[in-house]
Structures are given as C-alpha cells and as structure tokens.
C-alpha atoms as a PDB file:
ATOM      1  CA  MET A   1       0.000   0.000   0.000  1.00  0.00           C
ATOM      2  CA  PRO A   2       1.505   3.355  -0.980  1.00  0.00           C
ATOM      3  CA  ASP A   3       2.240   5.900   1.729  1.00  0.00           C
ATOM      4  CA  ASP A   4      -0.158   8.525   0.377  1.00  0.00           C
ATOM      5  CA  TRP A   5      -3.248   6.306   0.568  1.00  0.00           C
ATOM      6  CA  VAL A   6      -5.776   6.932   3.314  1.00  0.00           C
ATOM      7  CA  VAL A   7      -7.724   4.036   4.742  1.00  0.00           C
ATOM      8  CA  PRO A   8     -11.347   5.114   5.292  1.00  0.00           C
ATOM      9  CA  GLU A   9     -12.806   4.618   8.724  1.00  0.00           C
ATOM     10  CA  ASN A  10     -15.162   1.688   8.946  1.00  0.00           C
ATOM     11  CA  ARG A  11     -17.648   1.571  11.814  1.00  0.00           C
ATOM     12  CA  ALA A  12     -17.937  -2.211  11.584  1.00  0.00           C
ATOM     13  CA  LEU A  13     -14.329  -2.690  12.683  1.00  0.00           C
ATOM     14  CA  ALA A  14     -15.127  -1.464  16.209  1.00  0.00           C
ATOM     15  CA  GLN A  15     -18.060  -3.801  16.768  1.00  0.00           C
ATOM     16  CA  ARG A  16     -18.100  -7.262  18.235  1.00  0.00           C
ATOM     17  CA  PRO A  17     -20.262  -9.955  16.686  1.00  0.00           C
ATOM     18  CA  HIS A  18     -23.840  -9.578  17.905  1.00  0.00           C
ATOM     19  CA  LEU A  19     -26.829 -11.880  17.681  1.00  0.00           C
ATOM     20  CA  ILE A  20     -30.037  -9.944  16.849  1.00  0.00           C
ATOM     21  CA  GLY A  21     -28.203  -6.714  17.640  1.00  0.00           C
ATOM     22  CA  LEU A  22     -27.295  -7.697  21.206  1.00  0.00           C
ATOM     23  CA  PRO A  23     -24.182  -9.207  22.769  1.00  0.00           C
ATOM     24  CA  LEU A  24     -24.397 -12.994  22.870  1.00  0.00           C
ATOM     25  CA  GLY A  25     -25.111 -13.312  26.608  1.00  0.00           C
ATOM     26  CA  TYR A  26     -27.924 -10.770  26.569  1.00  0.00           C
ATOM     27  CA  ALA A  27     -29.408 -12.212  23.388  1.00  0.00           C
ATOM     28  CA  ALA A  28     -29.419 -15.669  24.975  1.00  0.00           C
ATOM     29  CA  LEU A  29     -31.108 -14.276  28.093  1.00  0.00           C
ATOM     30  CA  LEU A  30     -33.784 -12.575  25.985  1.00  0.00           C
ATOM     31  CA  ILE A  31     -34.407 -15.682  23.876  1.00  0.00           C
ATOM     32  CA  MET A  32     -34.628 -17.971  26.920  1.00  0.00           C
ATOM     33  CA  THR A  33     -37.049 -15.574  28.645  1.00  0.00           C
ATOM     34  CA  VAL A  34     -39.278 -15.455  25.580  1.00  0.00           C
ATOM     35  CA  LEU A  35     -39.191 -19.234  25.206  1.00  0.00           C
ATOM     36  CA  PHE A  36     -40.053 -19.691  28.890  1.00  0.00           C
ATOM     37  CA  LEU A  37     -43.009 -17.316  28.625  1.00  0.00           C
ATOM     38  CA  THR A  38     -44.386 -18.815  25.438  1.00  0.00           C
ATOM     39  CA  LEU A  39     -43.741 -22.528  25.909  1.00  0.00           C
ATOM     40  CA  SER A  40     -43.980 -23.064  29.668  1.00  0.00           C
ATOM     41  CA  LEU A  41     -46.504 -20.434  30.749  1.00  0.00           C
ATOM     42  CA  LYS A  42     -48.371 -20.311  27.402  1.00  0.00           C
ATOM     43  CA  LEU A  43     -48.269 -16.503  27.387  1.00  0.00           C
ATOM     44  CA  VAL A  44     -47.616 -15.940  23.697  1.00  0.00           C
ATOM     45  CA  GLY A  45     -48.633 -12.284  23.716  1.00  0.00           C
ATOM     46  CA  ALA A  46     -46.400 -11.486  26.671  1.00  0.00           C
ATOM     47  CA  GLY A  47     -43.524 -13.361  25.062  1.00  0.00           C
ATOM     48  CA  LEU A  48     -43.869 -11.420  21.828  1.00  0.00           C
ATOM     49  CA  TRP A  49     -44.094  -8.147  23.754  1.00  0.00           C
ATOM     50  CA  VAL A  50     -40.937  -8.946  25.762  1.00  0.00           C
ATOM     51  CA  LEU A  51     -39.147  -9.927  22.553  1.00  0.00           C
ATOM     52  CA  ALA A  52     -40.148  -6.728  20.752  1.00  0.00           C
ATOM     53  CA  CYS A  53     -39.287  -4.421  23.661  1.00  0.00           C
ATOM     54  CA  GLY A  54     -36.050  -6.199  24.607  1.00  0.00           C
ATOM     55  CA  TRP A  55     -34.828  -6.462  21.050  1.00  0.00           C
ATOM     56  CA  GLY A  56     -35.787  -2.895  20.170  1.00  0.00           C
ATOM     57  CA  LEU A  57     -34.277  -1.335  23.286  1.00  0.00           C
ATOM     58  CA  GLY A  58     -31.106  -3.407  23.037  1.00  0.00           C
ATOM     59  CA  LYS A  59     -30.670  -2.625  19.357  1.00  0.00           C
ATOM     60  CA  LEU A  60     -31.184   1.084  20.034  1.00  0.00           C
ATOM     61  CA  LEU A  61     -28.637   1.148  22.862  1.00  0.00           C
ATOM     62  CA  THR A  62     -25.967  -0.790  20.975  1.00  0.00           C
ATOM     63  CA  TRP A  63     -26.488   1.210  17.758  1.00  0.00           C
ATOM     64  CA  TYR A  64     -24.681   4.243  19.195  1.00  0.00           C
ATOM     65  CA  ASP A  65     -22.315   2.400  21.542  1.00  0.00           C
ATOM     66  CA  PRO A  66     -21.523  -1.251  20.696  1.00  0.00           C
ATOM     67  CA  PHE A  67     -19.967  -1.766  24.128  1.00  0.00           C
ATOM     68  CA  PHE A  68     -22.892  -0.340  26.136  1.00  0.00           C
ATOM     69  CA  PHE A  69     -23.799  -3.578  27.912  1.00  0.00           C
ATOM     70  CA  GLU A  70     -20.202  -4.371  28.852  1.00  0.00           C
ATOM     71  CA  ILE A  71     -19.675  -0.864  30.261  1.00  0.00           C
ATOM     72  CA  MET A  72     -22.921  -0.969  32.271  1.00  0.00           C
ATOM     73  CA  ALA A  73     -22.090  -4.414  33.688  1.00  0.00           C
ATOM     74  CA  LYS A  74     -18.651  -3.169  34.717  1.00  0.00           C
ATOM     75  CA  ASN A  75     -20.209  -0.092  36.381  1.00  0.00           C
ATOM     76  CA  LEU A  76     -22.346  -2.359  38.558  1.00  0.00           C
ATOM     77  CA  ARG A  77     -19.332  -4.398  39.730  1.00  0.00           C
ATOM     78  CA  LEU A  78     -16.861  -1.593  40.410  1.00  0.00           C
ATOM     79  CA  PRO A  79     -17.393   0.862  43.251  1.00  0.00           C
ATOM     80  CA  ARG A  80     -17.641   4.528  42.351  1.00  0.00           C
ATOM     81  CA  VAL A  81     -15.443   5.737  45.243  1.00  0.00           C
ATOM     82  CA  LEU A  82     -12.475   3.769  46.484  1.00  0.00           C
ATOM     83  CA  VAL A  83     -12.047   4.274  50.227  1.00  0.00           C
ATOM     84  CA  PRO A  84      -8.671   3.276  51.709  1.00  0.00           C
END
C-alpha cells in the first residue's frame, strides 16, 4: 500500500459480533425468557411483547455504543469511590 493512501474509517471494525443486535449473553437471556413465557406459561402475547421491547431497546442502545452492555455491567461491579 503506498504511503499517500488513506484508509477510510469503517464503523464495523469497532463492533463485536452480535446476535439480533445484542451481545451474545444478553441475546441468549432474551431468547430464553421469551421461550419460557411462550412454551412453559403459554403466554404468547407477553412473550412477543418482551421480545419486541427487549430487542428494540437493546438494538437502540448498541447502535450508538456497541460496548454499552459491557460498560454498564462493569459499572455495577466496580465501586464509584475507592475508600482506603
């Protein structure tokens, strides 16, 4: 590659692989919750509502920041103020 070439920025390079727009752990949690509601409790409407809201909210949050869920999980584990 010549020295005067500029490589264009690609947003996809900063993203991890996601399933349905969510990180794998959160997507699995959403899918298992929906399956539990629909198959075990026979609440198909509630399962579809949880799927639509969870998928939509998760997709919206990870659209602007692909690492949103990892940052929020780390914020819950780490204390805000370290006291000696």
